């Protein structure tokens, strides 16, 4: 589990505890020869918090200009793209989906993270414009950093 994924899991669990809500966030253990559907799962009786989150971390300091669907996502042995697999899982499970993107700017510079609704990822994937630029990513709601980690802001995760 990456630091970013761990931070999101902790953030959701802290939010549920602090607000006396029933819910849990977790990451399923990844096994060597089986793919996982999403990086972070959130289960709650509150429908806005029944979600799946895929996490991507981009090193902007090294000159990456965009999140590319061909470079940053995988295709399985049957030729099925990761975005298709995730979309199928979200549709079958009824979960609300997000892509959480962390932008790393190098040593001594703060990281930034943004939440992109999965419907936007799917629409872009189907349009065959196979990337989101850093500027486009930055236009989505920011996942607030707090004390070296992240903090859940409820309004950004609510279905729109």
C-alpha atoms as a PDB file:
ATOM      1  CA  UNK A   1       0.000   0.000   0.000  1.00  0.00           C
ATOM      2  CA  UNK A   2       1.389   3.383  -0.944  1.00  0.00           C
ATOM      3  CA  UNK A   3       1.616   6.279   1.483  1.00  0.00           C
ATOM      4  CA  UNK A   4      -1.092   8.061  -0.520  1.00  0.00           C
ATOM      5  CA  UNK A   5      -3.508   5.113  -0.300  1.00  0.00           C
ATOM      6  CA  UNK A   6      -2.794   4.665   3.404  1.00  0.00           C
ATOM      7  CA  UNK A   7      -3.433   8.376   3.959  1.00  0.00           C
ATOM      8  CA  UNK A   8      -6.835   8.212   2.262  1.00  0.00           C
ATOM      9  CA  UNK A   9      -7.859   5.098   4.196  1.00  0.00           C
ATOM     10  CA  UNK A  10      -6.843   6.721   7.484  1.00  0.00           C
ATOM     11  CA  UNK A  11      -8.586   9.965   6.547  1.00  0.00           C
ATOM     12  CA  UNK A  12     -11.920   8.273   5.848  1.00  0.00           C
ATOM     13  CA  UNK A  13     -11.729   6.161   9.006  1.00  0.00           C
ATOM     14  CA  UNK A  14     -10.915   9.241  11.105  1.00  0.00           C
ATOM     15  CA  UNK A  15     -13.814  11.108   9.508  1.00  0.00           C
ATOM     16  CA  UNK A  16     -16.270   8.309  10.342  1.00  0.00           C
ATOM     17  CA  UNK A  17     -15.015   8.118  13.929  1.00  0.00           C
ATOM     18  CA  UNK A  18     -15.006  11.901  14.501  1.00  0.00           C
ATOM     19  CA  UNK A  19     -18.540  12.237  13.107  1.00  0.00           C
ATOM     20  CA  UNK A  20     -19.900   9.157  14.850  1.00  0.00           C
ATOM     21  CA  UNK A  21     -20.827   7.600  11.496  1.00  0.00           C
ATOM     22  CA  UNK A  22     -20.974   3.934  10.615  1.00  0.00           C
ATOM     23  CA  UNK A  23     -18.410   3.339   7.914  1.00  0.00           C
ATOM     24  CA  UNK A  24     -15.029   1.851   7.190  1.00  0.00           C
ATOM     25  CA  UNK A  25     -12.355   2.422   4.601  1.00  0.00           C
ATOM     26  CA  UNK A  26      -9.831  -0.254   3.695  1.00  0.00           C
ATOM     27  CA  UNK A  27      -7.582  -1.686   1.057  1.00  0.00           C
ATOM     28  CA  UNK A  28      -7.850  -5.317   0.077  1.00  0.00           C
ATOM     29  CA  UNK A  29      -4.594  -7.220   0.193  1.00  0.00           C
ATOM     30  CA  UNK A  30      -3.154  -7.535  -3.281  1.00  0.00           C
ATOM     31  CA  UNK A  31      -1.932 -10.978  -4.262  1.00  0.00           C
ATOM     32  CA  UNK A  32       0.783 -11.575  -6.798  1.00  0.00           C
ATOM     33  CA  UNK A  33      -1.300 -13.176  -9.565  1.00  0.00           C
ATOM     34  CA  UNK A  34      -4.702 -11.623  -8.969  1.00  0.00           C
ATOM     35  CA  UNK A  35      -5.720  -8.113  -9.852  1.00  0.00           C
ATOM     36  CA  UNK A  36      -7.522  -5.881  -7.405  1.00  0.00           C
ATOM     37  CA  UNK A  37     -10.472  -3.861  -8.591  1.00  0.00           C
ATOM     38  CA  UNK A  38      -9.628  -0.607  -6.801  1.00  0.00           C
ATOM     39  CA  UNK A  39      -7.011   0.720  -4.400  1.00  0.00           C
ATOM     40  CA  UNK A  40      -9.355   1.976  -1.659  1.00  0.00           C
ATOM     41  CA  UNK A  41     -12.854   0.780  -0.797  1.00  0.00           C
ATOM     42  CA  UNK A  42     -15.215   2.680   1.481  1.00  0.00           C
ATOM     43  CA  UNK A  43     -18.260   0.963   2.949  1.00  0.00           C
ATOM     44  CA  UNK A  44     -20.982   2.874   4.736  1.00  0.00           C
ATOM     45  CA  UNK A  45     -24.730   2.757   5.186  1.00  0.00           C
ATOM     46  CA  UNK A  46     -24.664   6.383   4.042  1.00  0.00           C
ATOM     47  CA  UNK A  47     -24.975   6.037   0.240  1.00  0.00           C
ATOM     48  CA  UNK A  48     -22.605   8.937  -0.477  1.00  0.00           C
ATOM     49  CA  UNK A  49     -19.848   7.001   1.282  1.00  0.00           C
ATOM     50  CA  UNK A  50     -20.264   3.690  -0.511  1.00  0.00           C
ATOM     51  CA  UNK A  51     -17.407   4.165  -2.935  1.00  0.00           C
ATOM     52  CA  UNK A  52     -14.342   2.903  -4.668  1.00  0.00           C
ATOM     53  CA  UNK A  53     -11.236   4.986  -5.223  1.00  0.00           C
ATOM     54  CA  UNK A  54      -8.389   4.309  -7.627  1.00  0.00           C
ATOM     55  CA  UNK A  55      -5.180   6.120  -6.659  1.00  0.00           C
ATOM     56  CA  UNK A  56      -2.473   7.384  -8.975  1.00  0.00           C
ATOM     57  CA  UNK A  57       0.622   9.318  -8.019  1.00  0.00           C
ATOM     58  CA  UNK A  58       2.437  11.433 -10.595  1.00  0.00           C
ATOM     59  CA  UNK A  59       5.931  12.880 -10.301  1.00  0.00           C
ATOM     60  CA  UNK A  60       5.470  16.347 -11.783  1.00  0.00           C
ATOM     61  CA  UNK A  61       9.048  17.282 -10.836  1.00  0.00           C
ATOM     62  CA  UNK A  62      10.328  14.827 -13.454  1.00  0.00           C
ATOM     63  CA  UNK A  63       8.457  16.597 -16.226  1.00  0.00           C
ATOM     64  CA  UNK A  64       5.256  14.565 -16.414  1.00  0.00           C
ATOM     65  CA  UNK A  65       2.705  16.801 -18.113  1.00  0.00           C
ATOM     66  CA  UNK A  66      -0.381  14.576 -17.859  1.00  0.00           C
ATOM     67  CA  UNK A  67      -1.967  11.408 -16.524  1.00  0.00           C
ATOM     68  CA  UNK A  68      -1.949   9.110 -19.544  1.00  0.00           C
ATOM     69  CA  UNK A  69      -4.417   6.243 -19.845  1.00  0.00           C
ATOM     70  CA  UNK A  70      -1.835   4.179 -21.732  1.00  0.00           C
ATOM     71  CA  UNK A  71       1.085   4.828 -19.367  1.00  0.00           C
ATOM     72  CA  UNK A  72      -0.482   5.081 -15.903  1.00  0.00           C
ATOM     73  CA  UNK A  73      -3.105   2.339 -16.243  1.00  0.00           C
ATOM     74  CA  UNK A  74      -2.710  -1.343 -17.087  1.00  0.00           C
ATOM     75  CA  UNK A  75      -4.208  -3.696 -19.645  1.00  0.00           C
ATOM     76  CA  UNK A  76      -4.709  -7.328 -18.615  1.00  0.00           C
ATOM     77  CA  UNK A  77      -3.726 -10.456 -20.558  1.00  0.00           C
ATOM     78  CA  UNK A  78      -7.125 -10.463 -22.277  1.00  0.00           C
ATOM     79  CA  UNK A  79      -6.629  -6.912 -23.521  1.00  0.00           C
ATOM     80  CA  UNK A  80      -9.109  -5.331 -21.077  1.00  0.00           C
ATOM     81  CA  UNK A  81      -8.028  -1.868 -19.955  1.00  0.00           C
ATOM     82  CA  UNK A  82      -7.953  -1.072 -16.230  1.00  0.00           C
ATOM     83  CA  UNK A  83     -10.464   1.749 -16.706  1.00  0.00           C
ATOM     84  CA  UNK A  84     -12.935  -0.723 -18.233  1.00  0.00           C
ATOM     85  CA  UNK A  85     -12.406  -3.221 -15.371  1.00  0.00           C
ATOM     86  CA  UNK A  86     -12.923  -0.536 -12.739  1.00  0.00           C
ATOM     87  CA  UNK A  87     -16.001   0.837 -14.507  1.00  0.00           C
ATOM     88  CA  UNK A  88     -17.536  -2.652 -14.639  1.00  0.00           C
ATOM     89  CA  UNK A  89     -16.831  -3.182 -10.928  1.00  0.00           C
ATOM     90  CA  UNK A  90     -18.365   0.172  -9.979  1.00  0.00           C
ATOM     91  CA  UNK A  91     -21.472  -0.494 -12.078  1.00  0.00           C
ATOM     92  CA  UNK A  92     -21.957  -4.013 -10.708  1.00  0.00           C
ATOM     93  CA  UNK A  93     -21.325  -3.051  -7.073  1.00  0.00           C
ATOM     94  CA  UNK A  94     -23.313   0.204  -7.149  1.00  0.00           C
ATOM     95  CA  UNK A  95     -20.368   2.115  -5.702  1.00  0.00           C
ATOM     96  CA  UNK A  96     -19.636   5.728  -6.492  1.00  0.00           C
ATOM     97  CA  UNK A  97     -16.184   5.931  -8.068  1.00  0.00           C
ATOM     98  CA  UNK A  98     -13.320   8.396  -7.969  1.00  0.00           C
ATOM     99  CA  UNK A  99      -9.800   8.681  -9.256  1.00  0.00           C
ATOM    100  CA  UNK A 100      -7.595  10.280  -6.610  1.00  0.00           C
ATOM    101  CA  UNK A 101      -4.489  11.786  -8.194  1.00  0.00           C
ATOM    102  CA  UNK A 102      -1.512  12.866  -6.115  1.00  0.00           C
ATOM    103  CA  UNK A 103       0.886  15.316  -7.741  1.00  0.00           C
ATOM    104  CA  UNK A 104       4.429  15.114  -6.340  1.00  0.00           C
ATOM    105  CA  UNK A 105       6.600  18.184  -6.902  1.00  0.00           C
ATOM    106  CA  UNK A 106       9.856  16.969  -5.347  1.00  0.00           C
ATOM    107  CA  UNK A 107      11.754  17.286  -2.101  1.00  0.00           C
ATOM    108  CA  UNK A 108      10.791  20.269  -0.008  1.00  0.00           C
ATOM    109  CA  UNK A 109       7.659  21.049  -1.993  1.00  0.00           C
ATOM    110  CA  UNK A 110       4.203  20.031  -0.780  1.00  0.00           C
ATOM    111  CA  UNK A 111       2.225  17.356  -2.574  1.00  0.00           C
ATOM    112  CA  UNK A 112      -1.229  18.072  -3.913  1.00  0.00           C
ATOM    113  CA  UNK A 113      -4.076  15.642  -4.474  1.00  0.00           C
ATOM    114  CA  UNK A 114      -7.337  15.895  -6.393  1.00  0.00           C
ATOM    115  CA  UNK A 115     -10.493  13.774  -6.683  1.00  0.00           C
ATOM    116  CA  UNK A 116     -11.903  13.203 -10.150  1.00  0.00           C
ATOM    117  CA  UNK A 117     -15.374  11.620 -10.354  1.00  0.00           C
ATOM    118  CA  UNK A 118     -15.154   8.310 -12.196  1.00  0.00           C
ATOM    119  CA  UNK A 119     -17.859   9.387 -14.646  1.00  0.00           C
ATOM    120  CA  UNK A 120     -15.387  11.991 -15.951  1.00  0.00           C
ATOM    121  CA  UNK A 121     -12.646   9.371 -16.301  1.00  0.00           C
ATOM    122  CA  UNK A 122     -15.009   7.071 -18.204  1.00  0.00           C
ATOM    123  CA  UNK A 123     -16.232   9.877 -20.490  1.00  0.00           C
ATOM    124  CA  UNK A 124     -12.666  10.914 -21.314  1.00  0.00           C
ATOM    125  CA  UNK A 125     -11.637   7.289 -21.914  1.00  0.00           C
ATOM    126  CA  UNK A 126     -14.530   6.765 -24.316  1.00  0.00           C
ATOM    127  CA  UNK A 127     -13.766  10.003 -26.155  1.00  0.00           C
ATOM    128  CA  UNK A 128     -10.357   8.591 -27.048  1.00  0.00           C
ATOM    129  CA  UNK A 129      -8.630  11.662 -25.629  1.00  0.00           C
ATOM    130  CA  UNK A 130      -6.436   9.436 -23.527  1.00  0.00           C
ATOM    131  CA  UNK A 131      -5.074  11.815 -20.937  1.00  0.00           C
ATOM    132  CA  UNK A 132      -5.810  14.427 -18.290  1.00  0.00           C
ATOM    133  CA  UNK A 133      -3.307  17.274 -18.210  1.00  0.00           C
ATOM    134  CA  UNK A 134      -1.911  18.500 -14.892  1.00  0.00           C
ATOM    135  CA  UNK A 135      -3.946  21.693 -15.359  1.00  0.00           C
ATOM    136  CA  UNK A 136      -7.151  19.698 -15.886  1.00  0.00           C
ATOM    137  CA  UNK A 137      -6.450  17.538 -12.835  1.00  0.00           C
ATOM    138  CA  UNK A 138      -5.829  20.676 -10.753  1.00  0.00           C
ATOM    139  CA  UNK A 139      -9.266  22.011 -11.691  1.00  0.00           C
ATOM    140  CA  UNK A 140     -10.988  19.240  -9.676  1.00  0.00           C
ATOM    141  CA  UNK A 141     -11.662  19.425  -5.911  1.00  0.00           C
ATOM    142  CA  UNK A 142      -8.491  19.312  -3.864  1.00  0.00           C
ATOM    143  CA  UNK A 143      -8.019  16.609  -1.241  1.00  0.00           C
ATOM    144  CA  UNK A 144      -6.783  18.732   1.655  1.00  0.00           C
ATOM    145  CA  UNK A 145      -3.461  17.877   3.286  1.00  0.00           C
ATOM    146  CA  UNK A 146      -3.342  18.068   7.053  1.00  0.00           C
ATOM    147  CA  UNK A 147      -0.484  17.157   9.355  1.00  0.00           C
ATOM    148  CA  UNK A 148       1.427  15.260   6.685  1.00  0.00           C
ATOM    149  CA  UNK A 149      -1.662  13.275   5.672  1.00  0.00           C
ATOM    150  CA  UNK A 150      -4.995  13.998   4.060  1.00  0.00           C
ATOM    151  CA  UNK A 151      -8.356  15.107   5.447  1.00  0.00           C
ATOM    152  CA  UNK A 152     -11.736  14.039   4.120  1.00  0.00           C
ATOM    153  CA  UNK A 153     -13.934  16.962   3.160  1.00  0.00           C
ATOM    154  CA  UNK A 154     -17.458  15.494   2.813  1.00  0.00           C
ATOM    155  CA  UNK A 155     -18.752  17.835   0.112  1.00  0.00           C
ATOM    156  CA  UNK A 156     -16.122  16.726  -2.397  1.00  0.00           C
ATOM    157  CA  UNK A 157     -17.147  13.057  -2.246  1.00  0.00           C
ATOM    158  CA  UNK A 158     -20.909  13.548  -2.386  1.00  0.00           C
ATOM    159  CA  UNK A 159     -22.542  12.323  -5.604  1.00  0.00           C
ATOM    160  CA  UNK A 160     -23.398  15.108  -7.985  1.00  0.00           C
END
